[in-house]
Amino acid sequence: MLHGLNALCRAHEFKYFDDGHRGAAIISGVYLCRDNEIEADVAETIAAIIDECWVNTELCAPFPDEDSNPQLLRKVVDCMSQNIEGLREAGHNIILPSLALRAFCDVPQAVTTSRVTGICRLIESFTAKDVPMDEDFELPSMDEKAIVAEFILDEFVKCTERFQGRGQGWSGHLLTYGQALMDLCEQGYAGLASQAQNGFRLYIRRIRIGPKETDKQYDEHSPTDLRPLQLGYWKERGGDLHLGHKLKYPYGFYGLLNKARDSEIKRRCLEVAYRIF
């Protein structure tokens, strides 16, 4: 967990977008194993892959020894609030720091001045960009977790269909963005989650129009019954994590799936999940 926080808080010094992903992936991998029923040796296998890919890099190096101060988290929340308008690089101004907030709560000794300064610099790096969008709509109330989760999962299934052959990045980030809002609520930041809904709504309006004519074409993943909670998935798919979507997408997927109650929505999601895994 600490390696992931170090990476997130140092990402702005390198490639803020790519390296922010890597830090978030480490944290996502920890929570993927902690929040779900996984097969034997999955956690150890994921940890070994993370160690091999990132832990010994400069990105994850220790921060200076400093006194911790949980009150500093207010600076992170304030910075997110001040950099929340518009759709900022597919919502990574929310996706990445929301994971940091959750991890800081579990590792309070990591809440130091230099780390908090670093995560705030990362948040400030994301800028709003104009993208084509579908018509506006209303999101379900965040108070109804199951309904919100089912809404997002339904959008996810439709998104994977729209973007077949054009890459599934929009589909996967719909899950991590939606789960980020859930995480904020569960960590006691409901007001911030409410603010973040505007950007999330813009994201959904973007994905509803599908790919642009100029979007690159990509081969779809081959169908498989293996899933990230199974050891066989990690043995078959290999250990190249690249930006870490192999950890981030499952974290968002299962986080939302566990909150949903509608069995038909869950069945449909599991059928198409191979497209992002």
Protein backbone atom coordinates (compact mmCIF):
# COMPACT_ATOMS: atom_id res chain seq x y z
CA MET A 1 0.00 0.00 0.00
CA LEU A 2 2.78 2.41 0.94
CA HIS A 3 4.54 1.80 -2.37
CA GLY A 4 1.34 2.77 -4.18
CA LEU A 5 0.97 5.95 -2.15
CA ASN A 6 4.59 6.86 -2.77
CA ALA A 7 4.06 6.40 -6.51
CA LEU A 8 0.87 8.47 -6.58
CA CYS A 9 2.43 11.25 -4.55
CA ARG A 10 5.55 11.34 -6.72
CA ALA A 11 3.87 10.90 -10.13
CA HIS A 12 3.84 14.64 -10.85
CA GLU A 13 7.65 14.59 -10.87
CA PHE A 14 7.71 12.15 -13.80
CA LYS A 15 4.84 11.44 -16.21
CA TYR A 16 1.91 12.48 -14.07
CA PHE A 17 -0.72 10.59 -16.09
CA ASP A 18 1.15 7.33 -16.69
CA ASP A 19 2.85 7.14 -13.31
CA GLY A 20 -0.30 8.19 -11.49
CA HIS A 21 -1.92 5.15 -13.08
CA ARG A 22 0.86 2.94 -11.77
CA GLY A 23 0.49 4.15 -8.21
CA ALA A 24 -3.27 3.73 -8.37
CA ALA A 25 -2.83 0.23 -9.77
CA ILE A 26 -0.74 -0.86 -6.79
CA ILE A 27 -3.40 0.38 -4.38
CA SER A 28 -6.16 -1.15 -6.50
CA GLY A 29 -4.39 -4.50 -6.40
CA VAL A 30 -4.29 -4.44 -2.61
CA TYR A 31 -7.99 -3.63 -2.32
CA LEU A 32 -8.98 -6.06 -5.06
CA CYS A 33 -7.59 -8.85 -2.89
CA ARG A 34 -8.86 -7.42 0.38
CA ASP A 35 -12.43 -6.65 -0.73
CA ASN A 36 -13.19 -9.87 -2.60
CA GLU A 37 -13.11 -13.63 -2.15
CA ILE A 38 -10.08 -14.68 -4.15
CA GLU A 39 -8.55 -18.05 -4.87
CA ALA A 40 -5.49 -19.22 -2.99
CA ASP A 41 -2.22 -17.60 -4.06
CA VAL A 42 -3.89 -14.79 -6.04
CA ALA A 43 -2.74 -12.12 -3.58
CA GLU A 44 0.80 -13.47 -3.55
CA THR A 45 0.88 -13.64 -7.35
CA ILE A 46 -0.38 -10.07 -7.74
CA ALA A 47 2.13 -8.86 -5.13
CA ALA A 48 4.96 -10.60 -6.99
CA ILE A 49 3.95 -8.98 -10.29
CA ILE A 50 3.77 -5.54 -8.65
CA ASP A 51 7.18 -6.08 -7.05
CA GLU A 52 8.69 -7.09 -10.38
CA CYS A 53 7.19 -4.19 -12.33
CA TRP A 54 7.38 -1.21 -10.02
CA VAL A 55 8.39 -1.57 -6.37
CA ASN A 56 12.12 -1.19 -6.95
CA THR A 57 11.76 1.81 -9.26
CA GLU A 58 12.40 5.43 -8.32
CA LEU A 59 8.66 6.06 -8.54
CA CYS A 60 8.02 3.94 -5.43
CA ALA A 61 11.07 5.04 -3.46
CA PRO A 62 10.55 6.06 0.19
CA PHE A 63 9.68 9.62 1.11
CA PRO A 64 11.64 11.53 3.77
CA ASP A 65 10.81 10.69 7.38
CA GLU A 66 8.27 13.22 8.63
CA ASP A 67 5.67 13.45 11.35
CA SER A 68 2.26 12.31 10.16
CA ASN A 69 -0.81 14.51 10.50
CA PRO A 70 -4.23 13.15 9.46
CA GLN A 71 -5.55 16.72 9.41
CA LEU A 72 -3.55 17.25 6.22
CA LEU A 73 -6.12 15.16 4.33
CA ARG A 74 -8.33 18.24 4.35
CA LYS A 75 -5.82 19.80 1.93
CA VAL A 76 -6.31 16.88 -0.47
CA VAL A 77 -10.09 17.21 -0.30
CA ASP A 78 -9.91 20.98 -0.80
CA CYS A 79 -7.56 20.57 -3.76
CA MET A 80 -9.91 18.04 -5.38
CA SER A 81 -12.83 20.41 -4.84
CA GLN A 82 -10.93 23.29 -6.46
CA ASN A 83 -9.98 21.18 -9.50
CA ILE A 84 -13.26 19.41 -10.17
CA GLU A 85 -15.07 21.39 -12.86
CA GLY A 86 -15.48 19.82 -16.29
CA LEU A 87 -14.31 16.44 -17.56
CA ARG A 88 -10.62 16.32 -16.72
CA GLU A 89 -8.70 13.68 -18.63
CA ALA A 90 -11.40 11.00 -18.34
CA GLY A 91 -11.96 11.73 -14.66
CA HIS A 92 -8.49 10.95 -13.38
CA ASN A 93 -8.62 14.06 -11.20
CA ILE A 94 -11.12 12.01 -9.15
CA ILE A 95 -10.10 8.40 -9.86
CA LEU A 96 -6.51 8.67 -8.64
CA PRO A 97 -6.81 10.85 -5.50
CA SER A 98 -9.88 8.96 -4.29
CA LEU A 99 -7.70 5.86 -4.08
CA ALA A 100 -5.07 7.88 -2.23
CA LEU A 101 -7.65 9.05 0.31
CA ARG A 102 -8.75 5.48 0.96
CA ALA A 103 -5.17 4.28 1.30
CA PHE A 104 -4.22 7.16 3.61
CA CYS A 105 -7.01 6.09 5.95
CA ASP A 106 -5.48 2.61 6.15
CA VAL A 107 -1.90 3.88 6.43
CA PRO A 108 -2.28 7.07 8.52
CA GLN A 109 1.46 7.25 9.19
CA ALA A 110 1.86 8.06 5.49
CA VAL A 111 -0.13 11.30 5.78
CA THR A 112 2.90 13.59 5.71
CA THR A 113 3.46 17.07 4.33
CA SER A 114 5.57 15.96 1.37
CA ARG A 115 3.15 13.22 0.30
CA VAL A 116 0.11 15.47 0.61
CA THR A 117 1.90 18.18 -1.36
CA GLY A 118 2.68 15.59 -4.03
CA ILE A 119 -0.86 14.30 -4.40
CA CYS A 120 -2.14 17.88 -4.63
CA ARG A 121 0.36 18.59 -7.41
CA LEU A 122 -0.94 15.51 -9.22
CA ILE A 123 -4.55 16.67 -8.90
CA GLU A 124 -3.63 20.09 -10.29
CA SER A 125 -2.02 18.47 -13.33
CA PHE A 126 -5.31 17.30 -14.84
CA THR A 127 -7.04 19.75 -17.15
CA ALA A 128 -10.55 19.93 -18.59
CA LYS A 129 -10.91 19.25 -22.30
CA ASP A 130 -13.82 19.74 -24.67
CA VAL A 131 -15.16 16.47 -26.10
CA PRO A 132 -18.30 15.69 -28.14
CA MET A 133 -21.22 14.71 -25.93
CA ASP A 134 -24.71 13.25 -25.97
CA GLU A 135 -27.67 15.05 -24.39
CA ASP A 136 -27.78 15.71 -20.65
CA PHE A 137 -29.50 13.44 -18.12
CA GLU A 138 -29.90 12.95 -14.36
CA LEU A 139 -27.80 10.52 -12.34
CA PRO A 140 -29.46 8.39 -9.66
CA SER A 141 -29.00 9.61 -6.09
CA MET A 142 -25.71 8.52 -4.53
CA ASP A 143 -27.69 7.60 -1.42
CA GLU A 144 -28.97 4.52 -3.29
CA LYS A 145 -25.74 2.57 -3.72
CA ALA A 146 -27.27 -0.49 -5.37
CA ILE A 147 -29.24 1.60 -7.86
CA VAL A 148 -26.19 3.71 -8.72
CA ALA A 149 -24.03 0.61 -9.15
CA GLU A 150 -26.62 -1.01 -11.41
CA PHE A 151 -26.93 2.16 -13.47
CA ILE A 152 -23.16 2.31 -14.01
CA LEU A 153 -22.92 -1.40 -14.81
CA ASP A 154 -25.71 -1.12 -17.36
CA GLU A 155 -23.85 1.77 -19.00
CA PHE A 156 -20.70 -0.36 -18.91
CA VAL A 157 -22.28 -3.22 -20.87
CA LYS A 158 -23.57 -0.80 -23.50
CA CYS A 159 -20.20 0.95 -23.67
CA THR A 160 -18.32 -2.29 -24.36
CA GLU A 161 -20.67 -2.92 -27.26
CA ARG A 162 -20.28 0.58 -28.72
CA PHE A 163 -16.51 0.49 -28.60
CA GLN A 164 -15.91 -3.02 -29.93
CA GLY A 165 -12.80 -2.96 -32.08
CA ARG A 166 -11.88 0.56 -30.93
CA GLY A 167 -10.36 -0.23 -27.54
CA GLN A 168 -12.20 -0.53 -24.24
CA GLY A 169 -10.53 2.28 -22.32
CA TRP A 170 -13.76 4.26 -22.03
CA SER A 171 -15.52 1.15 -20.73
CA GLY A 172 -12.88 0.37 -18.12
CA HIS A 173 -12.57 3.92 -16.87
CA LEU A 174 -16.34 4.16 -16.49
CA LEU A 175 -15.92 1.53 -13.77
CA THR A 176 -12.97 3.16 -12.03
CA TYR A 177 -14.65 6.58 -12.18
CA GLY A 178 -17.91 5.23 -10.79
CA GLN A 179 -16.13 3.30 -8.05
CA ALA A 180 -14.20 6.45 -7.13
CA LEU A 181 -17.47 8.23 -6.37
CA MET A 182 -18.53 5.27 -4.23
CA ASP A 183 -15.21 5.30 -2.40
CA LEU A 184 -15.55 9.00 -1.62
CA CYS A 185 -19.00 8.43 -0.12
CA GLU A 186 -17.81 5.47 1.93
CA GLN A 187 -14.82 7.43 3.25
CA GLY A 188 -17.11 10.20 4.49
CA TYR A 189 -16.65 12.64 1.61
CA ALA A 190 -20.23 12.67 0.33
CA GLY A 191 -20.08 16.40 -0.41
CA LEU A 192 -17.04 15.94 -2.62
CA ALA A 193 -18.69 12.98 -4.36
CA SER A 194 -21.71 15.17 -5.06
CA GLN A 195 -19.47 17.81 -6.64
CA ALA A 196 -17.74 15.14 -8.72
CA GLN A 197 -21.02 13.90 -10.20
CA ASN A 198 -21.04 16.73 -12.76
CA GLY A 199 -17.82 15.49 -14.35
CA PHE A 200 -19.01 11.89 -14.19
CA ARG A 201 -22.20 12.86 -15.99
CA LEU A 202 -20.09 14.51 -18.71
CA TYR A 203 -18.13 11.28 -19.00
CA ILE A 204 -21.28 9.25 -19.60
CA ARG A 205 -22.53 11.79 -22.13
CA ARG A 206 -19.23 11.29 -23.97
CA ILE A 207 -19.33 7.50 -24.04
CA ARG A 208 -22.94 7.43 -25.19
CA ILE A 209 -21.97 8.78 -28.60
CA GLY A 210 -19.46 5.97 -29.14
CA PRO A 211 -16.11 6.11 -30.93
CA LYS A 212 -15.05 8.88 -33.27
CA GLU A 213 -14.30 8.03 -36.90
CA THR A 214 -10.66 8.88 -36.28
CA ASP A 215 -10.28 6.51 -33.30
CA LYS A 216 -7.74 3.74 -33.78
CA GLN A 217 -8.82 0.15 -34.25
CA TYR A 218 -7.76 -2.49 -31.74
CA ASP A 219 -8.15 -6.24 -31.50
CA GLU A 220 -10.65 -7.29 -28.86
CA HIS A 221 -9.60 -9.59 -26.04
CA SER A 222 -10.35 -13.24 -26.67
CA PRO A 223 -13.36 -14.57 -24.71
CA THR A 224 -12.40 -16.48 -21.58
CA ASP A 225 -14.13 -17.69 -18.45
CA LEU A 226 -11.12 -16.80 -16.32
CA ARG A 227 -11.50 -13.76 -14.08
CA PRO A 228 -9.04 -11.73 -11.93
CA LEU A 229 -10.23 -13.39 -8.71
CA GLN A 230 -8.91 -16.70 -10.05
CA LEU A 231 -5.26 -17.76 -10.04
CA GLY A 232 -5.55 -19.11 -13.58
CA TYR A 233 -6.27 -15.63 -14.90
CA TRP A 234 -2.92 -14.30 -13.75
CA LYS A 235 -1.06 -17.38 -14.97
CA GLU A 236 -2.63 -17.15 -18.44
CA ARG A 237 -2.57 -13.38 -18.97
CA GLY A 238 1.03 -12.89 -17.90
CA GLY A 239 2.67 -10.22 -15.80
CA ASP A 240 3.05 -7.10 -17.98
CA LEU A 241 1.03 -4.48 -16.08
CA HIS A 242 2.04 -1.49 -18.29
CA LEU A 243 -0.19 1.31 -16.86
CA GLY A 244 -1.90 -1.02 -14.42
CA HIS A 245 -5.37 -1.25 -15.95
CA LYS A 246 -5.19 -4.99 -15.32
CA LEU A 247 -5.55 -4.10 -11.63
CA LYS A 248 -7.54 -0.88 -11.78
CA TYR A 249 -10.37 -2.17 -13.97
CA PRO A 250 -11.07 -5.26 -11.82
CA TYR A 251 -11.06 -3.10 -8.69
CA GLY A 252 -13.78 -0.90 -10.17
CA PHE A 253 -15.68 -3.80 -11.71
CA TYR A 254 -15.97 -5.93 -8.58
CA GLY A 255 -16.50 -2.93 -6.34
CA LEU A 256 -19.62 -2.03 -8.30
CA LEU A 257 -20.70 -5.63 -8.91
CA ASN A 258 -20.66 -6.31 -5.16
CA LYS A 259 -23.01 -3.38 -4.55
CA ALA A 260 -25.51 -4.33 -7.27
CA ARG A 261 -28.53 -6.49 -6.49
CA ASP A 262 -30.04 -6.99 -9.95
CA SER A 263 -29.01 -10.52 -10.98
CA GLU A 264 -29.62 -9.88 -14.69
CA ILE A 265 -27.34 -6.84 -14.75
CA LYS A 266 -24.65 -8.81 -12.92
CA ARG A 267 -24.99 -11.72 -15.37
CA ARG A 268 -24.63 -9.40 -18.38
CA CYS A 269 -21.57 -7.75 -16.87
CA LEU A 270 -19.85 -11.05 -16.21
CA GLU A 271 -20.54 -12.12 -19.79
CA VAL A 272 -18.71 -9.13 -21.30
CA ALA A 273 -16.09 -8.60 -18.59
CA TYR A 274 -13.39 -10.34 -20.67
CA ARG A 275 -13.41 -7.26 -22.93
CA ILE A 276 -11.67 -5.19 -20.25
CA PHE A 277 -9.81 -7.96 -18.42
